[in-house]
Amino acid sequence: MILIRQGRLIDPKSKRDEVADILIEHDRIKKIGRIDDVPGVEQIINAKGNIIAPGLVDVHVHFREPGFTWKEDIASGSAAAAAGGYTTVVCMANTNPIIDNVDTLLEVLHKAKDACINVHTVAAVSKGLKGNELTDMPMLMQCGAAGFSDDGVPLMNAKLLLEAMKQAERLGVPISLHEEDASLIGTAGINDGPVSAALSLRGTPSFSESSMIARDCMIALSSSAKIHIQHVSAAESVMIINLAKKLGANISAEVTPQHLALTEDAVAKYSSIAKLNPPFRKERDRKMLITGLKNGTIDLIATDHAPHSSEEKSKPLADAPSGIIGLETALGLMLTHLVKPGHLSLMHLIEKMSLAPARLYNFDAGYIAENGPADITIFDENEKWTVNNFYSKSSNSPFVGETLAGKVHYTICRGKIVYNYKKEKSDGKDRM
């Protein structure tokens, strides 16, 4: 058993915010409240002055296994997640081979069983991510797929998307959509604006995203299907999602920490390290994303953790792959850029990073309650730390060297401590 003493418990489901002890037995929470010494306790964690929150949940990560394990694998990705306070993640299907068949799905799920956190995966919507033919969605769902997404590739065939929505609705899961019309894009991963012009590049206009979102919201409205809009980046996109929700469409949306923290100016400063799909936009867009989070238009925060090797990211800007890593910096970025400036309360942030993403896939996660899962993160919201080395195999982050507020001290998953900042630091193993 593990006894957590005198931490500030913040639970977004019950709205509980109080100093409390928590007793963990096996993989469940046995008791919450004032707890005296209990026989059989193997470890006591002094959480005084720290926040006790539900383990964070990320519904959009790339662990690159199978096929791209020099960038990341399930073990290293899980370690990075644990260091960032995450206890549950959902991997995307754009691996090699693609998770569009039962054999590959089962291979990933088998390896996920050995991970230190809860690792789920979606399966692809279309075979080969080509957008021409649907996968066997019922069979993939039966074999353990959490949901469906062709993330990385937009579904341009509206007729196919409508059929996929109908199948997903029957299965009771959402379809998560990457919304960019490739025919409108010059150089992917860079906003079409002053920065791209200064680099003599035609970038990615915001309407390449918002036009796709408008189409898919209307299809979802007509079909009553549940869709999830991934990594929203543009102000107009937020407005369209807000309108579609008011019209009655069954839609949820996510935003990444990086899009809430940076603008297109980051490309001028960091070059390919700041290249990602969709790209960083203007300050106007960043402010609208924050507004969308505050008013509920955007439902949750997801990292789109996308590892790439240093060799890949050192290529010229137009040739380098898009994407940055995000699991280890997400909480610190959001405490620094959302909570400290007063945009979101701590309760609201924790909800957006735990309970809301858990609800997307109906996971038993994102809350703290007696008899509930012992998935917990303990962090100091005020402790300053500098982003440097990572548990991820990759280091493609524009936040390297930045000082953030909010340091994870412990991550507990299924009743086991999977990250211990003090122990890692004393052993010389901590990488941040």
Foldseek 3Di string as FASTA:
>chain_A
DEKEAFAFEAFLVVRHTGTWMWDDDFFFTADIHHDDDDPPHPYYHHQHLWYKFFQFEFAAEAQQPPPRPLFHHQALVLLQLFQLRHQYYEHEQPHVVGQLDLVRQVVNVVVQVPHPHHYAYAHEQAVVLPLPHGGPVVVSVVSGHLYYESPPHFNPPVVSVLVSLLVRVVVVAAYEGQQFQPVQAWQAQAEQDDVCVVVVTGGGHLCRRQVRLLSVLVSQLVNVGEYEYEARQFLSNLVSLVVSVVVPGRYAYEHELVLLQDANVLCVVPPLLQGAVRHGHDPVRNVSVLVSLLVVSHQAYHHNADTDAPVQSPDHRSRHDHHHGDSNCRVQSCLFRQPVVPSDPPSSNLCRGKVRVCVNSVHQTSGHDNRGTPWIWMKNQADKDAAAFGSGSHHSHSRHGPITGMGIQFTAHSRHTSDHPVVCVVVVNDGD
